[in-house]
C-alpha atoms as a PDB file:
ATOM      1  CA  MET A   1       0.000   0.000   0.000  1.00  0.00           C
ATOM      2  CA  ALA A   2       1.369   3.420  -0.993  1.00  0.00           C
ATOM      3  CA  ARG A   3       0.650   6.646   0.876  1.00  0.00           C
ATOM      4  CA  VAL A   4      -0.450   9.397  -1.516  1.00  0.00           C
ATOM      5  CA  LEU A   5      -0.785  13.096  -0.777  1.00  0.00           C
ATOM      6  CA  MET A   6      -3.388  15.134  -2.660  1.00  0.00           C
ATOM      7  CA  PRO A   7      -3.122  18.874  -1.937  1.00  0.00           C
ATOM      8  CA  LEU A   8      -6.216  20.941  -2.707  1.00  0.00           C
ATOM      9  CA  PRO A   9      -7.105  24.635  -2.694  1.00  0.00           C
ATOM     10  CA  ALA A  10      -9.659  25.805  -0.155  1.00  0.00           C
ATOM     11  CA  GLN A  11     -12.232  26.011  -2.938  1.00  0.00           C
ATOM     12  CA  ASP A  12     -12.829  25.610  -6.669  1.00  0.00           C
ATOM     13  CA  PHE A  13     -10.832  22.478  -7.483  1.00  0.00           C
ATOM     14  CA  ASP A  14     -12.216  20.237 -10.209  1.00  0.00           C
ATOM     15  CA  PRO A  15     -14.427  17.550  -8.598  1.00  0.00           C
ATOM     16  CA  SER A  16     -13.814  14.917 -11.284  1.00  0.00           C
ATOM     17  CA  GLU A  17     -10.031  15.173 -11.172  1.00  0.00           C
ATOM     18  CA  ALA A  18      -9.860  14.886  -7.394  1.00  0.00           C
ATOM     19  CA  ALA A  19     -12.682  12.466  -6.636  1.00  0.00           C
ATOM     20  CA  VAL A  20     -12.197   9.926  -9.420  1.00  0.00           C
ATOM     21  CA  SER A  21      -8.464   9.854  -8.644  1.00  0.00           C
ATOM     22  CA  TRP A  22      -9.281   9.259  -4.979  1.00  0.00           C
ATOM     23  CA  LEU A  23     -11.724   6.486  -5.879  1.00  0.00           C
ATOM     24  CA  VAL A  24      -9.338   4.677  -8.221  1.00  0.00           C
ATOM     25  CA  LEU A  25      -6.408   4.915  -5.803  1.00  0.00           C
ATOM     26  CA  THR A  26      -8.345   3.747  -2.755  1.00  0.00           C
ATOM     27  CA  LYS A  27      -9.889   0.846  -4.674  1.00  0.00           C
ATOM     28  CA  ALA A  28      -6.362  -0.135  -5.689  1.00  0.00           C
ATOM     29  CA  GLY A  29      -5.455  -0.333  -1.993  1.00  0.00           C
ATOM     30  CA  HIS A  30      -3.569   2.948  -1.644  1.00  0.00           C
ATOM     31  CA  ALA A  31      -4.106   5.453   1.171  1.00  0.00           C
ATOM     32  CA  VAL A  32      -4.918   9.034   0.167  1.00  0.00           C
ATOM     33  CA  ARG A  33      -4.421  11.997   2.501  1.00  0.00           C
ATOM     34  CA  PHE A  34      -5.477  15.526   1.685  1.00  0.00           C
ATOM     35  CA  ALA A  35      -3.942  18.898   2.480  1.00  0.00           C
ATOM     36  CA  THR A  36      -5.538  22.352   2.318  1.00  0.00           C
ATOM     37  CA  PRO A  37      -4.294  25.863   3.122  1.00  0.00           C
ATOM     38  CA  ASP A  38      -5.915  26.003   6.567  1.00  0.00           C
ATOM     39  CA  GLY A  39      -6.510  22.353   7.448  1.00  0.00           C
ATOM     40  CA  ARG A  40     -10.234  22.602   6.758  1.00  0.00           C
ATOM     41  CA  PRO A  41     -12.103  20.447   4.214  1.00  0.00           C
ATOM     42  CA  ALA A  42     -11.921  21.849   0.699  1.00  0.00           C
ATOM     43  CA  ALA A  43     -14.915  22.586  -1.529  1.00  0.00           C
ATOM     44  CA  ALA A  44     -15.017  21.839  -5.246  1.00  0.00           C
ATOM     45  CA  ASP A  45     -16.115  24.293  -7.926  1.00  0.00           C
ATOM     46  CA  ASP A  46     -19.883  24.213  -7.411  1.00  0.00           C
ATOM     47  CA  MET A  47     -20.649  24.982 -11.054  1.00  0.00           C
ATOM     48  CA  MET A  48     -18.734  21.878 -12.108  1.00  0.00           C
ATOM     49  CA  LEU A  49     -20.983  19.845  -9.795  1.00  0.00           C
ATOM     50  CA  THR A  50     -24.397  21.363 -10.491  1.00  0.00           C
ATOM     51  CA  GLY A  51     -24.039  22.990 -13.902  1.00  0.00           C
ATOM     52  CA  ARG A  52     -25.884  26.012 -12.501  1.00  0.00           C
ATOM     53  CA  GLY A  53     -24.467  29.324 -13.680  1.00  0.00           C
ATOM     54  CA  LEU A  54     -23.156  28.043 -17.020  1.00  0.00           C
ATOM     55  CA  ASP A  55     -26.178  29.095 -19.106  1.00  0.00           C
ATOM     56  CA  PRO A  56     -27.104  32.558 -20.442  1.00  0.00           C
ATOM     57  CA  TRP A  57     -29.828  32.729 -17.770  1.00  0.00           C
ATOM     58  CA  GLY A  58     -27.453  31.534 -15.057  1.00  0.00           C
ATOM     59  CA  ALA A  59     -27.374  34.902 -13.276  1.00  0.00           C
ATOM     60  CA  ILE A  60     -31.150  34.972 -12.793  1.00  0.00           C
ATOM     61  CA  PRO A  61     -31.963  33.515  -9.327  1.00  0.00           C
ATOM     62  CA  LEU A  62     -34.872  31.240 -10.268  1.00  0.00           C
ATOM     63  CA  LEU A  63     -33.958  30.344 -13.831  1.00  0.00           C
ATOM     64  CA  ARG A  64     -30.394  29.354 -12.884  1.00  0.00           C
ATOM     65  CA  ASN A  65     -31.864  26.233 -11.239  1.00  0.00           C
ATOM     66  CA  TRP A  66     -32.726  24.891 -14.710  1.00  0.00           C
ATOM     67  CA  PRO A  67     -29.332  24.323 -16.385  1.00  0.00           C
ATOM     68  CA  ALA A  68     -29.115  23.116 -19.968  1.00  0.00           C
ATOM     69  CA  ILE A  69     -25.649  23.748 -21.392  1.00  0.00           C
ATOM     70  CA  GLY A  70     -24.396  23.427 -17.833  1.00  0.00           C
ATOM     71  CA  LEU A  71     -25.511  19.805 -17.733  1.00  0.00           C
ATOM     72  CA  LEU A  72     -23.143  19.053 -20.618  1.00  0.00           C
ATOM     73  CA  MET A  73     -20.175  20.864 -19.076  1.00  0.00           C
ATOM     74  CA  ARG A  74     -20.412  19.735 -15.451  1.00  0.00           C
ATOM     75  CA  ALA A  75     -18.915  16.566 -13.959  1.00  0.00           C
ATOM     76  CA  ASN A  76     -20.652  13.414 -15.128  1.00  0.00           C
ATOM     77  CA  HIS A  77     -22.736  11.143 -12.901  1.00  0.00           C
ATOM     78  CA  GLU A  78     -19.872   8.842 -11.973  1.00  0.00           C
ATOM     79  CA  ALA A  79     -17.639  11.745 -10.948  1.00  0.00           C
ATOM     80  CA  ARG A  80     -20.394  13.390  -8.883  1.00  0.00           C
ATOM     81  CA  ARG A  81     -21.017  10.112  -7.098  1.00  0.00           C
ATOM     82  CA  ALA A  82     -17.283   9.709  -6.419  1.00  0.00           C
ATOM     83  CA  TYR A  83     -17.197  13.259  -5.032  1.00  0.00           C
ATOM     84  CA  ALA A  84     -20.046  12.476  -2.631  1.00  0.00           C
ATOM     85  CA  GLU A  85     -18.192   9.382  -1.430  1.00  0.00           C
ATOM     86  CA  MET A  86     -14.918  11.280  -1.084  1.00  0.00           C
ATOM     87  CA  MET A  87     -16.612  13.938   1.057  1.00  0.00           C
ATOM     88  CA  ALA A  88     -17.471  11.233   3.590  1.00  0.00           C
ATOM     89  CA  ASP A  89     -13.875   9.982   3.830  1.00  0.00           C
ATOM     90  CA  PRO A  90     -12.429  10.804   7.291  1.00  0.00           C
ATOM     91  CA  ASN A  91      -9.175  11.826   5.614  1.00  0.00           C
ATOM     92  CA  TYR A  92     -11.050  14.345   3.474  1.00  0.00           C
ATOM     93  CA  LEU A  93     -12.845  15.726   6.516  1.00  0.00           C
ATOM     94  CA  ALA A  94      -9.590  16.142   8.450  1.00  0.00           C
ATOM     95  CA  PRO A  95      -6.966  17.346   5.975  1.00  0.00           C
ATOM     96  CA  LEU A  96      -3.456  18.401   6.830  1.00  0.00           C
ATOM     97  CA  ARG A  97      -2.400  22.022   6.506  1.00  0.00           C
ATOM     98  CA  TRP A  98      -0.124  22.754   3.571  1.00  0.00           C
ATOM     99  CA  ASN A  99       2.582  24.050   5.880  1.00  0.00           C
ATOM    100  CA  ALA A 100       2.377  20.988   8.142  1.00  0.00           C
ATOM    101  CA  VAL A 101       2.946  18.332   5.480  1.00  0.00           C
ATOM    102  CA  ASP A 102       5.885  16.008   6.042  1.00  0.00           C
ATOM    103  CA  ALA A 103       6.810  14.942   2.536  1.00  0.00           C
ATOM    104  CA  ALA A 104       8.813  12.020   3.891  1.00  0.00           C
ATOM    105  CA  ALA A 105       5.552  10.484   5.137  1.00  0.00           C
ATOM    106  CA  PHE A 106       4.263  10.000   1.585  1.00  0.00           C
ATOM    107  CA  ASP A 107       5.206   7.743  -1.298  1.00  0.00           C
ATOM    108  CA  GLY A 108       3.552   9.753  -4.065  1.00  0.00           C
ATOM    109  CA  LEU A 109       1.949  13.086  -4.918  1.00  0.00           C
ATOM    110  CA  LEU A 110      -1.152  13.784  -7.006  1.00  0.00           C
ATOM    111  CA  LEU A 111      -1.974  17.297  -8.245  1.00  0.00           C
ATOM    112  CA  PRO A 112      -5.581  17.818  -9.419  1.00  0.00           C
ATOM    113  CA  GLY A 113      -6.590  20.876 -11.384  1.00  0.00           C
ATOM    114  CA  GLY A 114      -9.406  23.371 -11.614  1.00  0.00           C
ATOM    115  CA  HIS A 115      -9.753  26.615 -13.540  1.00  0.00           C
ATOM    116  CA  ARG A 116     -11.784  29.084 -11.509  1.00  0.00           C
ATOM    117  CA  ALA A 117      -9.402  31.903 -10.588  1.00  0.00           C
ATOM    118  CA  ARG A 118     -11.189  32.703  -7.318  1.00  0.00           C
ATOM    119  CA  GLY A 119      -9.848  29.593  -5.615  1.00  0.00           C
ATOM    120  CA  MET A 120      -7.184  28.124  -7.869  1.00  0.00           C
ATOM    121  CA  ARG A 121      -4.657  30.962  -7.880  1.00  0.00           C
ATOM    122  CA  GLU A 122      -3.742  30.406  -4.225  1.00  0.00           C
ATOM    123  CA  TYR A 123      -2.987  26.776  -5.053  1.00  0.00           C
ATOM    124  CA  LEU A 124      -1.065  27.466  -8.244  1.00  0.00           C
ATOM    125  CA  GLU A 125       0.985  30.303  -6.734  1.00  0.00           C
ATOM    126  CA  SER A 126       1.779  28.658  -3.379  1.00  0.00           C
ATOM    127  CA  GLU A 127       5.513  28.537  -2.639  1.00  0.00           C
ATOM    128  CA  ILE A 128       4.767  25.870  -0.037  1.00  0.00           C
ATOM    129  CA  LEU A 129       3.265  23.567  -2.651  1.00  0.00           C
ATOM    130  CA  GLN A 130       5.895  24.415  -5.246  1.00  0.00           C
ATOM    131  CA  ASN A 131       8.631  23.426  -2.786  1.00  0.00           C
ATOM    132  CA  LEU A 132       6.741  20.224  -1.997  1.00  0.00           C
ATOM    133  CA  VAL A 133       6.491  19.344  -5.691  1.00  0.00           C
ATOM    134  CA  ALA A 134      10.162  20.149  -6.228  1.00  0.00           C
ATOM    135  CA  GLY A 135      11.182  17.889  -3.364  1.00  0.00           C
ATOM    136  CA  CYS A 136       9.197  14.987  -4.798  1.00  0.00           C
ATOM    137  CA  PHE A 137      10.819  15.421  -8.213  1.00  0.00           C
ATOM    138  CA  ASP A 138      14.294  15.751  -6.695  1.00  0.00           C
ATOM    139  CA  GLU A 139      13.722  12.474  -4.832  1.00  0.00           C
ATOM    140  CA  GLN A 140      12.078  10.919  -7.914  1.00  0.00           C
ATOM    141  CA  LYS A 141       8.926  10.009  -6.064  1.00  0.00           C
ATOM    142  CA  PRO A 142       5.905   9.198  -8.239  1.00  0.00           C
ATOM    143  CA  VAL A 143       4.081  12.411  -9.202  1.00  0.00           C
ATOM    144  CA  ALA A 144       0.803  12.728 -11.095  1.00  0.00           C
ATOM    145  CA  ALA A 145      -0.572  16.026 -12.418  1.00  0.00           C
ATOM    146  CA  ILE A 146      -3.638  16.771 -14.503  1.00  0.00           C
ATOM    147  CA  CYS A 147      -4.987  19.899 -16.185  1.00  0.00           C
ATOM    148  CA  HIS A 148      -3.964  22.990 -14.132  1.00  0.00           C
ATOM    149  CA  GLY A 149      -2.126  20.683 -11.719  1.00  0.00           C
ATOM    150  CA  VAL A 150       0.601  20.502 -14.373  1.00  0.00           C
ATOM    151  CA  LEU A 151       0.918  24.284 -14.136  1.00  0.00           C
ATOM    152  CA  LEU A 152       1.762  23.940 -10.434  1.00  0.00           C
ATOM    153  CA  ALA A 153       4.474  21.445 -11.368  1.00  0.00           C
ATOM    154  CA  ALA A 154       5.793  23.733 -14.125  1.00  0.00           C
ATOM    155  CA  ARG A 155       6.220  26.559 -11.612  1.00  0.00           C
ATOM    156  CA  SER A 156       8.155  24.375  -9.170  1.00  0.00           C
ATOM    157  CA  ILE A 157      11.919  24.902  -9.167  1.00  0.00           C
ATOM    158  CA  SER A 158      14.298  22.055  -8.363  1.00  0.00           C
ATOM    159  CA  GLN A 159      16.545  22.752  -5.390  1.00  0.00           C
ATOM    160  CA  ARG A 160      19.091  20.462  -6.991  1.00  0.00           C
ATOM    161  CA  THR A 161      19.305  22.072 -10.450  1.00  0.00           C
ATOM    162  CA  GLY A 162      17.731  25.510  -9.966  1.00  0.00           C
ATOM    163  CA  ARG A 163      15.509  24.841 -12.998  1.00  0.00           C
ATOM    164  CA  PRO A 164      11.818  23.987 -13.398  1.00  0.00           C
ATOM    165  CA  VAL A 165      11.300  20.388 -12.325  1.00  0.00           C
ATOM    166  CA  LEU A 166       9.642  19.586 -15.664  1.00  0.00           C
ATOM    167  CA  ARG A 167      12.765  20.590 -17.585  1.00  0.00           C
ATOM    168  CA  GLY A 168      13.811  17.425 -19.420  1.00  0.00           C
ATOM    169  CA  TYR A 169      10.429  15.691 -19.003  1.00  0.00           C
ATOM    170  CA  ARG A 170       7.679  15.074 -21.519  1.00  0.00           C
ATOM    171  CA  THR A 171       4.259  16.192 -20.360  1.00  0.00           C
ATOM    172  CA  THR A 172       0.776  17.117 -21.391  1.00  0.00           C
ATOM    173  CA  ALA A 173      -1.669  19.467 -19.653  1.00  0.00           C
ATOM    174  CA  LEU A 174      -4.841  21.357 -20.439  1.00  0.00           C
ATOM    175  CA  THR A 175      -4.336  22.166 -24.105  1.00  0.00           C
ATOM    176  CA  TRP A 176      -4.935  25.617 -25.552  1.00  0.00           C
ATOM    177  CA  ALA A 177      -7.462  24.033 -27.922  1.00  0.00           C
ATOM    178  CA  PHE A 178      -9.547  22.832 -24.956  1.00  0.00           C
ATOM    179  CA  GLU A 179      -9.049  25.984 -22.885  1.00  0.00           C
ATOM    180  CA  ASN A 180      -9.881  28.318 -25.757  1.00  0.00           C
ATOM    181  CA  SER A 181     -12.917  26.269 -26.736  1.00  0.00           C
ATOM    182  CA  ALA A 182     -14.395  26.402 -23.219  1.00  0.00           C
ATOM    183  CA  TRP A 183     -13.573  30.115 -22.972  1.00  0.00           C
ATOM    184  CA  SER A 184     -15.314  30.797 -26.277  1.00  0.00           C
ATOM    185  CA  VAL A 185     -18.470  29.021 -25.107  1.00  0.00           C
ATOM    186  CA  ALA A 186     -18.454  30.824 -21.750  1.00  0.00           C
ATOM    187  CA  ARG A 187     -18.215  34.236 -23.400  1.00  0.00           C
ATOM    188  CA  PHE A 188     -21.675  33.512 -24.792  1.00  0.00           C
ATOM    189  CA  THR A 189     -23.297  31.371 -22.107  1.00  0.00           C
ATOM    190  CA  ARG A 190     -21.837  33.271 -19.144  1.00  0.00           C
ATOM    191  CA  PHE A 191     -21.597  36.715 -20.743  1.00  0.00           C
ATOM    192  CA  TRP A 192     -21.653  38.574 -17.381  1.00  0.00           C
ATOM    193  CA  ASP A 193     -18.485  36.690 -16.364  1.00  0.00           C
ATOM    194  CA  PRO A 194     -16.944  35.697 -19.719  1.00  0.00           C
ATOM    195  CA  ASN A 195     -13.524  34.721 -18.361  1.00  0.00           C
ATOM    196  CA  TYR A 196     -14.715  31.974 -16.008  1.00  0.00           C
ATOM    197  CA  TYR A 197     -12.665  29.351 -17.881  1.00  0.00           C
ATOM    198  CA  ARG A 198      -9.455  31.422 -17.957  1.00  0.00           C
ATOM    199  CA  THR A 199      -7.474  31.341 -14.722  1.00  0.00           C
ATOM    200  CA  TYR A 200      -4.956  33.847 -16.099  1.00  0.00           C
ATOM    201  CA  LEU A 201      -5.573  36.377 -18.851  1.00  0.00           C
ATOM    202  CA  GLU A 202      -3.052  37.923 -21.187  1.00  0.00           C
ATOM    203  CA  ARG A 203      -1.748  41.380 -20.375  1.00  0.00           C
ATOM    204  CA  ARG A 204      -1.502  44.160 -22.909  1.00  0.00           C
ATOM    205  CA  GLY A 205       1.075  43.286 -25.548  1.00  0.00           C
ATOM    206  CA  GLN A 206       0.987  39.547 -24.914  1.00  0.00           C
ATOM    207  CA  PRO A 207      -0.245  37.380 -27.800  1.00  0.00           C
ATOM    208  CA  ARG A 208      -3.493  35.462 -27.501  1.00  0.00           C
ATOM    209  CA  GLY A 209      -3.018  32.308 -25.438  1.00  0.00           C
ATOM    210  CA  PHE A 210       0.291  33.442 -23.912  1.00  0.00           C
ATOM    211  CA  MET A 211      -1.044  32.866 -20.381  1.00  0.00           C
ATOM    212  CA  SER A 212      -2.800  29.624 -21.255  1.00  0.00           C
ATOM    213  CA  VAL A 213      -1.817  26.491 -19.372  1.00  0.00           C
ATOM    214  CA  GLN A 214      -0.239  24.926 -22.440  1.00  0.00           C
ATOM    215  CA  GLN A 215       1.950  27.903 -23.264  1.00  0.00           C
ATOM    216  CA  GLU A 216       3.142  28.517 -19.700  1.00  0.00           C
ATOM    217  CA  VAL A 217       3.928  24.834 -19.186  1.00  0.00           C
ATOM    218  CA  THR A 218       5.759  24.730 -22.522  1.00  0.00           C
ATOM    219  CA  ARG A 219       7.954  27.659 -21.472  1.00  0.00           C
ATOM    220  CA  ALA A 220       9.175  25.563 -18.513  1.00  0.00           C
ATOM    221  CA  LEU A 221      10.225  22.614 -20.687  1.00  0.00           C
ATOM    222  CA  ALA A 222      13.568  21.907 -22.297  1.00  0.00           C
ATOM    223  CA  ARG A 223      12.024  21.796 -25.786  1.00  0.00           C
ATOM    224  CA  PRO A 224       8.613  22.901 -27.109  1.00  0.00           C
ATOM    225  CA  GLU A 225       8.073  19.423 -28.520  1.00  0.00           C
ATOM    226  CA  ASP A 226       8.239  18.001 -24.980  1.00  0.00           C
ATOM    227  CA  PHE A 227       4.673  19.251 -24.595  1.00  0.00           C
ATOM    228  CA  GLN A 228       2.675  16.304 -25.910  1.00  0.00           C
ATOM    229  CA  ASP A 229      -0.732  16.295 -27.562  1.00  0.00           C
ATOM    230  CA  VAL A 230      -2.691  13.592 -29.350  1.00  0.00           C
ATOM    231  CA  PRO A 231      -0.874  12.527 -32.553  1.00  0.00           C
ATOM    232  CA  LYS A 232      -2.880  13.145 -35.709  1.00  0.00           C
ATOM    233  CA  ASP A 233      -2.495   9.487 -36.683  1.00  0.00           C
ATOM    234  CA  ASP A 234      -3.977   8.182 -33.431  1.00  0.00           C
ATOM    235  CA  PRO A 235      -6.830   5.807 -34.400  1.00  0.00           C
ATOM    236  CA  ASN A 236      -9.057   7.476 -31.778  1.00  0.00           C
ATOM    237  CA  TYR A 237      -7.981  11.035 -32.568  1.00  0.00           C
ATOM    238  CA  ARG A 238     -11.518  12.403 -32.859  1.00  0.00           C
ATOM    239  CA  ARG A 239     -12.660  10.844 -29.578  1.00  0.00           C
ATOM    240  CA  LYS A 240      -9.579  12.161 -27.789  1.00  0.00           C
ATOM    241  CA  THR A 241      -9.761  15.732 -29.092  1.00  0.00           C
ATOM    242  CA  SER A 242     -13.471  16.530 -29.406  1.00  0.00           C
ATOM    243  CA  GLY A 243     -13.832  17.594 -25.768  1.00  0.00           C
ATOM    244  CA  LEU A 244     -17.191  15.810 -25.766  1.00  0.00           C
ATOM    245  CA  VAL A 245     -16.208  12.244 -24.860  1.00  0.00           C
ATOM    246  CA  ARG A 246     -14.800  11.166 -21.499  1.00  0.00           C
ATOM    247  CA  ASP A 247     -13.054   7.949 -20.590  1.00  0.00           C
ATOM    248  CA  SER A 248     -14.333   5.424 -18.051  1.00  0.00           C
ATOM    249  CA  MET A 249     -12.952   2.530 -16.042  1.00  0.00           C
ATOM    250  CA  ASP A 250     -13.611   0.268 -19.016  1.00  0.00           C
ATOM    251  CA  ASP A 251     -12.932   2.581 -21.955  1.00  0.00           C
ATOM    252  CA  ALA A 252      -9.608   4.373 -22.310  1.00  0.00           C
ATOM    253  CA  THR A 253     -10.021   5.274 -25.995  1.00  0.00           C
ATOM    254  CA  PRO A 254     -11.007   8.941 -25.347  1.00  0.00           C
ATOM    255  CA  ALA A 255      -8.081   9.486 -22.938  1.00  0.00           C
ATOM    256  CA  PHE A 256      -4.615  10.868 -23.554  1.00  0.00           C
ATOM    257  CA  VAL A 257      -2.040  10.348 -20.805  1.00  0.00           C
ATOM    258  CA  VAL A 258       1.724  10.892 -20.907  1.00  0.00           C
ATOM    259  CA  ARG A 259       4.089   8.981 -18.647  1.00  0.00           C
ATOM    260  CA  ASP A 260       7.775   9.870 -18.386  1.00  0.00           C
ATOM    261  CA  ARG A 261       9.662   7.873 -15.755  1.00  0.00           C
ATOM    262  CA  HIS A 262       8.138   8.602 -12.315  1.00  0.00           C
ATOM    263  CA  TYR A 263       5.844  11.333 -13.660  1.00  0.00           C
ATOM    264  CA  VAL A 264       2.432  11.031 -15.334  1.00  0.00           C
ATOM    265  CA  SER A 265       0.246  13.816 -16.722  1.00  0.00           C
ATOM    266  CA  ALA A 266      -3.124  14.285 -18.397  1.00  0.00           C
ATOM    267  CA  ARG A 267      -5.177  17.076 -19.980  1.00  0.00           C
ATOM    268  CA  TRP A 268      -8.684  17.330 -18.518  1.00  0.00           C
ATOM    269  CA  PRO A 269     -11.406  15.410 -16.627  1.00  0.00           C
ATOM    270  CA  GLY A 270     -12.039  13.306 -19.731  1.00  0.00           C
ATOM    271  CA  ASP A 271      -8.702  11.555 -19.112  1.00  0.00           C
ATOM    272  CA  ILE A 272      -9.184  10.986 -15.405  1.00  0.00           C
ATOM    273  CA  HIS A 273      -9.803   7.225 -15.155  1.00  0.00           C
ATOM    274  CA  THR A 274      -6.844   6.320 -17.348  1.00  0.00           C
ATOM    275  CA  PHE A 275      -4.695   8.900 -15.599  1.00  0.00           C
ATOM    276  CA  ALA A 276      -5.536   7.598 -12.117  1.00  0.00           C
ATOM    277  CA  LYS A 277      -5.158   3.949 -13.139  1.00  0.00           C
ATOM    278  CA  THR A 278      -1.742   4.691 -14.625  1.00  0.00           C
ATOM    279  CA  PHE A 279      -0.638   6.406 -11.429  1.00  0.00           C
ATOM    280  CA  ALA A 280      -2.021   3.600  -9.255  1.00  0.00           C
ATOM    281  CA  GLY A 281       0.052   1.143 -11.278  1.00  0.00           C
ATOM    282  CA  MET A 282       3.172   3.264 -10.847  1.00  0.00           C
ATOM    283  CA  LEU A 283       2.781   3.127  -7.065  1.00  0.00           C
ATOM    284  CA  LYS A 284       2.963  -0.650  -6.867  1.00  0.00           C
END
C-alpha cells in the first residue's frame, strides 16, 4: 500500500479530477491523505458539480436552477457520485495544513486541477506547494498532475538544479485548444463573467493564449516538442480531441495520458480514469 498526498485549494478544485483519482487509488489499496491551506475540508467548484451558472440565464436567481448547457459541461454522474463518497472519507474531513505536510511520510503526490481563478490561484501560486512538488521530483517520487495541476508542477523549481522540475520531461496538460474552446463558449453562455474558464488572462502586448496552461507549461520545458498532444495518426484522434467524450474505467479510448519515468500527466477530466489507473500502477 502506498501513501499518496493530494493537496487541494480551499475552494474551486475540479471535482472529477480529485474524486475519481481518490476512488481509483483507494480501490487499488492505496491510502490518500489531503492537504488544504488552513486544514479545513476543501470545496469543489460548485458549477462543475451542479451545472448552474453556465447558461445565459445563469445569473437569474430562479432560472439558474434549470441548467441546460451546464448539464453538458459539469462533472458526469460517476464523478459526482465519487465526489459524494470522497466527502465522507475521514481523511477528506480532516486534511493536513499545507505548511504541516511532512513529505517524507508520503510515497507519491497527485496534483488535481481546476480553472476558476477565485480559488485556484492560491494553489497554483503557493511557494509551499511548489517546494513540496520540487522535493518529490528531486527524490524521484511518483508524481501525477492533470490539467492545471501541471501548471503547479511547471512553476516548481528544483533545489538540486535551480531549474523547473519539468525541464527534461515530456508532459501534457490542459491544451490551448480545450481551454480556448471552453472560454469561447463561456463568453456567450456566461456573458456577465466571460472569463470563467481562464485562470490567467493575457496582459496588454501579450499574444493570444500566452497565459494559457499549455503555453506557460511549454515555457518551462527543455524543448517545445516536450509538450505532448494527441498525434494526428492516433486511431481514436476524434474521440480524444473533441472535448465531448470522457473515458471510463472500461474505456480508455477517449483518454490521452503521458508517462515519463516517475511522472504522469493528463489534460482534462475526460482523461481521469486512465490517468488515475496509470498512477495507481506506478505506485505498486
